[in-house]
PDB file of N, CA and C in Angstrom:
ATOM      1  N   UNK A   1       0.881  -1.165   0.000  1.00  0.00           N
ATOM      2  CA  UNK A   1       0.055  -0.009   0.027  1.00  0.00           C
ATOM      3  C   UNK A   1       0.962   1.285   0.004  1.00  0.00           C
ATOM      4  N   UNK A   2       0.501   2.258  -0.729  1.00  0.00           N
ATOM      5  CA  UNK A   2       1.265   3.496  -0.915  1.00  0.00           C
ATOM      6  C   UNK A   2       0.759   4.433   0.191  1.00  0.00           C
ATOM      7  N   UNK A   3       1.588   5.451   0.547  1.00  0.00           N
ATOM      8  CA  UNK A   3       1.180   6.463   1.481  1.00  0.00           C
ATOM      9  C   UNK A   3       0.353   7.559   0.739  1.00  0.00           C
ATOM     10  N   UNK A   4      -0.235   8.400   1.561  1.00  0.00           N
ATOM     11  CA  UNK A   4      -1.021   9.464   0.981  1.00  0.00           C
ATOM     12  C   UNK A   4      -0.156  10.443   0.151  1.00  0.00           C
ATOM     13  N   UNK A   5       1.087  10.643   0.671  1.00  0.00           N
ATOM     14  CA  UNK A   5       1.985  11.588  -0.141  1.00  0.00           C
ATOM     15  C   UNK A   5       2.285  10.952  -1.502  1.00  0.00           C
ATOM     16  N   UNK A   6       2.522   9.645  -1.564  1.00  0.00           N
ATOM     17  CA  UNK A   6       2.764   9.027  -2.840  1.00  0.00           C
ATOM     18  C   UNK A   6       1.547   9.038  -3.696  1.00  0.00           C
ATOM     19  N   UNK A   7       0.386   8.888  -3.139  1.00  0.00           N
ATOM     20  CA  UNK A   7      -0.906   8.965  -3.847  1.00  0.00           C
ATOM     21  C   UNK A   7      -1.077  10.314  -4.469  1.00  0.00           C
ATOM     22  N   UNK A   8      -0.753  11.355  -3.750  1.00  0.00           N
ATOM     23  CA  UNK A   8      -0.855  12.702  -4.299  1.00  0.00           C
ATOM     24  C   UNK A   8       0.111  12.922  -5.464  1.00  0.00           C
ATOM     25  N   UNK A   9       1.350  12.457  -5.371  1.00  0.00           N
ATOM     26  CA  UNK A   9       2.292  12.518  -6.472  1.00  0.00           C
ATOM     27  C   UNK A   9       1.778  11.781  -7.691  1.00  0.00           C
ATOM     28  N   UNK A  10       1.254  10.599  -7.498  1.00  0.00           N
ATOM     29  CA  UNK A  10       0.780   9.771  -8.650  1.00  0.00           C
ATOM     30  C   UNK A  10      -0.466  10.463  -9.254  1.00  0.00           C
ATOM     31  N   UNK A  11      -1.315  11.026  -8.399  1.00  0.00           N
ATOM     32  CA  UNK A  11      -2.421  11.759  -8.885  1.00  0.00           C
ATOM     33  C   UNK A  11      -2.085  12.973  -9.783  1.00  0.00           C
ATOM     34  N   UNK A  12      -1.011  13.647  -9.306  1.00  0.00           N
ATOM     35  CA  UNK A  12      -0.547  14.782 -10.150  1.00  0.00           C
ATOM     36  C   UNK A  12       0.100  14.314 -11.460  1.00  0.00           C
ATOM     37  N   UNK A  13       0.854  13.091 -11.375  1.00  0.00           N
ATOM     38  CA  UNK A  13       1.497  12.674 -12.533  1.00  0.00           C
ATOM     39  C   UNK A  13       0.376  12.148 -13.527  1.00  0.00           C
ATOM     40  N   UNK A  14      -0.723  11.688 -13.013  1.00  0.00           N
ATOM     41  CA  UNK A  14      -1.831  11.206 -13.872  1.00  0.00           C
ATOM     42  C   UNK A  14      -2.397  12.464 -14.548  1.00  0.00           C
ATOM     43  N   UNK A  15      -2.504  13.542 -13.912  1.00  0.00           N
ATOM     44  CA  UNK A  15      -3.085  14.728 -14.477  1.00  0.00           C
ATOM     45  C   UNK A  15      -2.306  15.181 -15.719  1.00  0.00           C
ATOM     46  N   UNK A  16      -0.980  15.029 -15.661  1.00  0.00           N
ATOM     47  CA  UNK A  16      -0.148  15.363 -16.783  1.00  0.00           C
ATOM     48  C   UNK A  16       0.207  14.262 -17.757  1.00  0.00           C
ATOM     49  N   UNK A  17      -0.553  13.105 -17.495  1.00  0.00           N
ATOM     50  CA  UNK A  17      -0.364  11.853 -18.315  1.00  0.00           C
ATOM     51  C   UNK A  17       0.985  11.313 -18.297  1.00  0.00           C
ATOM     52  N   UNK A  18       1.611  11.310 -17.070  1.00  0.00           N
ATOM     53  CA  UNK A  18       2.984  10.756 -16.891  1.00  0.00           C
ATOM     54  C   UNK A  18       3.033   9.534 -15.968  1.00  0.00           C
ATOM     55  N   UNK A  19       1.868   9.138 -15.506  1.00  0.00           N
ATOM     56  CA  UNK A  19       1.924   8.032 -14.515  1.00  0.00           C
ATOM     57  C   UNK A  19       1.814   6.696 -15.326  1.00  0.00           C
ATOM     58  N   UNK A  20       2.514   5.662 -14.800  1.00  0.00           N
ATOM     59  CA  UNK A  20       2.498   4.386 -15.506  1.00  0.00           C
ATOM     60  C   UNK A  20       1.225   3.657 -15.131  1.00  0.00           C
ATOM     61  N   UNK A  21       0.953   2.560 -15.791  1.00  0.00           N
ATOM     62  CA  UNK A  21      -0.190   1.715 -15.468  1.00  0.00           C
ATOM     63  C   UNK A  21      -0.073   1.222 -14.016  1.00  0.00           C
ATOM     64  N   UNK A  22       1.100   0.790 -13.610  1.00  0.00           N
ATOM     65  CA  UNK A  22       1.272   0.253 -12.236  1.00  0.00           C
ATOM     66  C   UNK A  22       0.964   1.372 -11.205  1.00  0.00           C
ATOM     67  N   UNK A  23       1.406   2.576 -11.466  1.00  0.00           N
ATOM     68  CA  UNK A  23       1.107   3.723 -10.530  1.00  0.00           C
ATOM     69  C   UNK A  23      -0.362   3.963 -10.479  1.00  0.00           C
ATOM     70  N   UNK A  24      -1.055   4.002 -11.573  1.00  0.00           N
ATOM     71  CA  UNK A  24      -2.434   4.216 -11.605  1.00  0.00           C
ATOM     72  C   UNK A  24      -3.236   3.114 -10.879  1.00  0.00           C
ATOM     73  N   UNK A  25      -2.784   1.926 -10.952  1.00  0.00           N
ATOM     74  CA  UNK A  25      -3.425   0.771 -10.172  1.00  0.00           C
ATOM     75  C   UNK A  25      -3.176   0.922  -8.696  1.00  0.00           C
ATOM     76  N   UNK A  26      -1.948   1.335  -8.289  1.00  0.00           N
ATOM     77  CA  UNK A  26      -1.715   1.565  -6.866  1.00  0.00           C
ATOM     78  C   UNK A  26      -2.538   2.735  -6.348  1.00  0.00           C
ATOM     79  N   UNK A  27      -2.762   3.728  -7.120  1.00  0.00           N
ATOM     80  CA  UNK A  27      -3.554   4.877  -6.746  1.00  0.00           C
ATOM     81  C   UNK A  27      -5.020   4.425  -6.513  1.00  0.00           C
ATOM     82  N   UNK A  28      -5.518   3.682  -7.462  1.00  0.00           N
ATOM     83  CA  UNK A  28      -6.903   3.256  -7.386  1.00  0.00           C
ATOM     84  C   UNK A  28      -7.106   2.335  -6.095  1.00  0.00           C
ATOM     85  N   UNK A  29      -6.183   1.454  -5.819  1.00  0.00           N
ATOM     86  CA  UNK A  29      -6.259   0.670  -4.662  1.00  0.00           C
ATOM     87  C   UNK A  29      -6.263   1.471  -3.438  1.00  0.00           C
ATOM     88  N   UNK A  30      -5.441   2.574  -3.402  1.00  0.00           N
ATOM     89  CA  UNK A  30      -5.229   3.364  -2.210  1.00  0.00           C
ATOM     90  C   UNK A  30      -6.589   4.198  -1.973  1.00  0.00           C
ATOM     91  N   UNK A  31      -7.130   4.731  -2.979  1.00  0.00           N
ATOM     92  CA  UNK A  31      -8.296   5.597  -2.795  1.00  0.00           C
ATOM     93  C   UNK A  31      -9.582   4.740  -2.372  1.00  0.00           C
ATOM     94  N   UNK A  32      -9.440   3.374  -2.497  1.00  0.00           N
ATOM     95  CA  UNK A  32     -10.536   2.552  -2.023  1.00  0.00           C
ATOM     96  C   UNK A  32     -10.652   2.647  -0.539  1.00  0.00           C
ATOM     97  N   UNK A  33      -9.487   2.903   0.130  1.00  0.00           N
ATOM     98  CA  UNK A  33      -9.516   2.874   1.568  1.00  0.00           C
ATOM     99  C   UNK A  33      -9.278   4.291   2.212  1.00  0.00           C
ATOM    100  N   UNK A  34      -8.927   5.224   1.407  1.00  0.00           N
ATOM    101  CA  UNK A  34      -8.546   6.474   1.988  1.00  0.00           C
ATOM    102  C   UNK A  34      -9.520   7.576   1.371  1.00  0.00           C
ATOM    103  N   UNK A  35     -10.397   8.056   2.236  1.00  0.00           N
ATOM    104  CA  UNK A  35     -11.436   9.043   1.793  1.00  0.00           C
ATOM    105  C   UNK A  35     -10.831  10.417   1.440  1.00  0.00           C
ATOM    106  N   UNK A  36      -9.742  10.745   2.225  1.00  0.00           N
ATOM    107  CA  UNK A  36      -9.098  11.960   1.959  1.00  0.00           C
ATOM    108  C   UNK A  36      -8.452  12.018   0.552  1.00  0.00           C
ATOM    109  N   UNK A  37      -7.800  10.972   0.156  1.00  0.00           N
ATOM    110  CA  UNK A  37      -7.141  10.873  -1.124  1.00  0.00           C
ATOM    111  C   UNK A  37      -8.200  10.799  -2.218  1.00  0.00           C
ATOM    112  N   UNK A  38      -9.286  10.060  -1.936  1.00  0.00           N
ATOM    113  CA  UNK A  38     -10.379   9.956  -2.881  1.00  0.00           C
ATOM    114  C   UNK A  38     -10.945  11.282  -3.158  1.00  0.00           C
ATOM    115  N   UNK A  39     -11.132  12.110  -2.190  1.00  0.00           N
ATOM    116  CA  UNK A  39     -11.618  13.532  -2.388  1.00  0.00           C
ATOM    117  C   UNK A  39     -10.584  14.359  -3.236  1.00  0.00           C
ATOM    118  N   UNK A  40      -9.330  14.236  -2.887  1.00  0.00           N
ATOM    119  CA  UNK A  40      -8.289  14.975  -3.607  1.00  0.00           C
ATOM    120  C   UNK A  40      -8.283  14.558  -5.054  1.00  0.00           C
ATOM    121  N   UNK A  41      -8.303  13.238  -5.319  1.00  0.00           N
ATOM    122  CA  UNK A  41      -8.333  12.789  -6.685  1.00  0.00           C
ATOM    123  C   UNK A  41      -9.507  13.264  -7.456  1.00  0.00           C
ATOM    124  N   UNK A  42     -10.684  13.244  -6.862  1.00  0.00           N
ATOM    125  CA  UNK A  42     -11.897  13.732  -7.504  1.00  0.00           C
ATOM    126  C   UNK A  42     -11.806  15.197  -7.830  1.00  0.00           C
ATOM    127  N   UNK A  43     -11.302  15.990  -6.922  1.00  0.00           N
ATOM    128  CA  UNK A  43     -11.160  17.417  -7.170  1.00  0.00           C
ATOM    129  C   UNK A  43     -10.096  17.770  -8.171  1.00  0.00           C
ATOM    130  N   UNK A  44      -9.020  17.029  -8.163  1.00  0.00           N
ATOM    131  CA  UNK A  44      -7.899  17.215  -9.169  1.00  0.00           C
ATOM    132  C   UNK A  44      -8.406  16.801 -10.577  1.00  0.00           C
ATOM    133  N   UNK A  45      -9.167  15.774 -10.638  1.00  0.00           N
ATOM    134  CA  UNK A  45      -9.736  15.349 -11.931  1.00  0.00           C
ATOM    135  C   UNK A  45     -10.670  16.385 -12.519  1.00  0.00           C
ATOM    136  N   UNK A  46     -11.443  16.976 -11.599  1.00  0.00           N
ATOM    137  CA  UNK A  46     -12.366  18.008 -12.094  1.00  0.00           C
ATOM    138  C   UNK A  46     -11.547  19.202 -12.560  1.00  0.00           C
ATOM    139  N   UNK A  47     -10.580  19.627 -11.813  1.00  0.00           N
ATOM    140  CA  UNK A  47      -9.751  20.759 -12.214  1.00  0.00           C
ATOM    141  C   UNK A  47      -9.074  20.536 -13.499  1.00  0.00           C
ATOM    142  N   UNK A  48      -8.536  19.417 -13.694  1.00  0.00           N
ATOM    143  CA  UNK A  48      -7.894  19.001 -14.964  1.00  0.00           C
ATOM    144  C   UNK A  48      -8.879  19.145 -16.185  1.00  0.00           C
ATOM    145  N   UNK A  49     -10.088  18.601 -15.967  1.00  0.00           N
ATOM    146  CA  UNK A  49     -11.101  18.598 -16.940  1.00  0.00           C
ATOM    147  C   UNK A  49     -11.433  20.056 -17.274  1.00  0.00           C
ATOM    148  N   UNK A  50     -11.638  20.906 -16.298  1.00  0.00           N
ATOM    149  CA  UNK A  50     -12.007  22.268 -16.588  1.00  0.00           C
ATOM    150  C   UNK A  50     -10.839  23.020 -17.345  1.00  0.00           C
ATOM    151  N   UNK A  51      -9.620  22.766 -17.008  1.00  0.00           N
ATOM    152  CA  UNK A  51      -8.492  23.390 -17.685  1.00  0.00           C
ATOM    153  C   UNK A  51      -8.382  22.981 -19.081  1.00  0.00           C
ATOM    154  N   UNK A  52      -8.617  21.760 -19.365  1.00  0.00           N
ATOM    155  CA  UNK A  52      -8.651  21.258 -20.757  1.00  0.00           C
ATOM    156  C   UNK A  52      -9.695  21.820 -21.575  1.00  0.00           C
ATOM    157  N   UNK A  53     -10.915  21.973 -20.948  1.00  0.00           N
ATOM    158  CA  UNK A  53     -12.036  22.518 -21.725  1.00  0.00           C
ATOM    159  C   UNK A  53     -11.805  23.987 -21.986  1.00  0.00           C
ATOM    160  N   UNK A  54     -11.076  24.681 -21.123  1.00  0.00           N
ATOM    161  CA  UNK A  54     -10.818  26.129 -21.274  1.00  0.00           C
ATOM    162  C   UNK A  54      -9.812  26.424 -22.409  1.00  0.00           C
ATOM    163  N   UNK A  55      -9.080  25.372 -22.789  1.00  0.00           N
ATOM    164  CA  UNK A  55      -8.077  25.537 -23.917  1.00  0.00           C
ATOM    165  C   UNK A  55      -7.172  26.739 -23.619  1.00  0.00           C
ATOM    166  N   UNK A  56      -6.638  26.752 -22.456  1.00  0.00           N
ATOM    167  CA  UNK A  56      -5.710  27.907 -22.085  1.00  0.00           C
ATOM    168  C   UNK A  56      -4.426  27.908 -22.855  1.00  0.00           C
ATOM    169  N   UNK A  57      -4.007  29.092 -23.193  1.00  0.00           N
ATOM    170  CA  UNK A  57      -2.790  29.163 -23.991  1.00  0.00           C
ATOM    171  C   UNK A  57      -1.933  30.273 -23.296  1.00  0.00           C
ATOM    172  N   UNK A  58      -0.601  30.072 -23.205  1.00  0.00           N
ATOM    173  CA  UNK A  58       0.281  31.025 -22.674  1.00  0.00           C
ATOM    174  C   UNK A  58       0.726  32.044 -23.682  1.00  0.00           C
ATOM    175  N   UNK A  59       1.442  33.047 -23.192  1.00  0.00           N
ATOM    176  CA  UNK A  59       2.021  34.058 -24.061  1.00  0.00           C
ATOM    177  C   UNK A  59       3.287  33.477 -24.672  1.00  0.00           C
ATOM    178  N   UNK A  60       3.568  33.983 -25.935  1.00  0.00           N
ATOM    179  CA  UNK A  60       4.768  33.695 -26.583  1.00  0.00           C
ATOM    180  C   UNK A  60       5.875  34.469 -25.875  1.00  0.00           C
ATOM    181  N   UNK A  61       7.134  34.159 -26.115  1.00  0.00           N
ATOM    182  CA  UNK A  61       8.315  34.832 -25.540  1.00  0.00           C
ATOM    183  C   UNK A  61       8.212  36.357 -26.056  1.00  0.00           C
ATOM    184  N   UNK A  62       7.908  36.591 -27.326  1.00  0.00           N
ATOM    185  CA  UNK A  62       7.819  37.915 -27.818  1.00  0.00           C
ATOM    186  C   UNK A  62       6.734  38.748 -27.146  1.00  0.00           C
ATOM    187  N   UNK A  63       5.614  38.085 -26.877  1.00  0.00           N
ATOM    188  CA  UNK A  63       4.495  38.799 -26.188  1.00  0.00           C
ATOM    189  C   UNK A  63       4.854  39.080 -24.754  1.00  0.00           C
ATOM    190  N   UNK A  64       5.577  38.132 -24.140  1.00  0.00           N
ATOM    191  CA  UNK A  64       6.027  38.386 -22.688  1.00  0.00           C
ATOM    192  C   UNK A  64       6.968  39.549 -22.710  1.00  0.00           C
ATOM    193  N   UNK A  65       7.922  39.588 -23.641  1.00  0.00           N
ATOM    194  CA  UNK A  65       8.865  40.746 -23.615  1.00  0.00           C
ATOM    195  C   UNK A  65       8.120  42.045 -23.865  1.00  0.00           C
ATOM    196  N   UNK A  66       7.227  42.097 -24.805  1.00  0.00           N
ATOM    197  CA  UNK A  66       6.461  43.375 -25.087  1.00  0.00           C
ATOM    198  C   UNK A  66       5.669  43.779 -23.871  1.00  0.00           C
ATOM    199  N   UNK A  67       5.045  42.863 -23.142  1.00  0.00           N
ATOM    200  CA  UNK A  67       4.347  43.200 -21.989  1.00  0.00           C
ATOM    201  C   UNK A  67       5.240  43.729 -20.896  1.00  0.00           C
ATOM    202  N   UNK A  68       6.391  43.101 -20.624  1.00  0.00           N
ATOM    203  CA  UNK A  68       7.397  43.545 -19.694  1.00  0.00           C
ATOM    204  C   UNK A  68       7.861  44.966 -20.049  1.00  0.00           C
ATOM    205  N   UNK A  69       8.123  45.228 -21.267  1.00  0.00           N
ATOM    206  CA  UNK A  69       8.547  46.559 -21.763  1.00  0.00           C
ATOM    207  C   UNK A  69       7.490  47.619 -21.554  1.00  0.00           C
ATOM    208  N   UNK A  70       6.267  47.313 -21.777  1.00  0.00           N
ATOM    209  CA  UNK A  70       5.152  48.206 -21.521  1.00  0.00           C
ATOM    210  C   UNK A  70       5.037  48.506 -20.066  1.00  0.00           C
ATOM    211  N   UNK A  71       5.160  47.460 -19.201  1.00  0.00           N
ATOM    212  CA  UNK A  71       5.033  47.630 -17.736  1.00  0.00           C
ATOM    213  C   UNK A  71       6.201  48.460 -17.173  1.00  0.00           C
ATOM    214  N   UNK A  72       7.348  48.268 -17.754  1.00  0.00           N
ATOM    215  CA  UNK A  72       8.593  49.057 -17.328  1.00  0.00           C
ATOM    216  C   UNK A  72       8.332  50.520 -17.490  1.00  0.00           C
ATOM    217  N   UNK A  73       7.569  50.963 -18.503  1.00  0.00           N
ATOM    218  CA  UNK A  73       7.237  52.311 -18.843  1.00  0.00           C
ATOM    219  C   UNK A  73       6.420  52.993 -17.744  1.00  0.00           C
ATOM    220  N   UNK A  74       5.632  52.141 -17.010  1.00  0.00           N
ATOM    221  CA  UNK A  74       4.687  52.752 -16.001  1.00  0.00           C
ATOM    222  C   UNK A  74       5.411  52.838 -14.673  1.00  0.00           C
ATOM    223  N   UNK A  75       6.547  52.239 -14.435  1.00  0.00           N
ATOM    224  CA  UNK A  75       7.246  52.318 -13.209  1.00  0.00           C
ATOM    225  C   UNK A  75       7.998  53.639 -13.171  1.00  0.00           C
ATOM    226  N   UNK A  76       7.942  54.283 -12.031  1.00  0.00           N
ATOM    227  CA  UNK A  76       8.591  55.552 -11.897  1.00  0.00           C
ATOM    228  C   UNK A  76       9.700  55.562 -11.018  1.00  0.00           C
TER     229      UNK A  76
END
């Protein structure tokens, strides 16, 4: 049986599609007995789903530089 700390790490790896099949199975077994981790996994899964649906995109390096340059002009 894995610890709650290990379960959280595997849950996070699963969110980024980095967990192995063995890790996923260990997590599933753990959350059968641990209500706290079950709740964490459920909330993390919901958050992941919402982020994917939002199709969030970051700024390009050029956009970041332009924004920094604009903000530098406001500092006195």
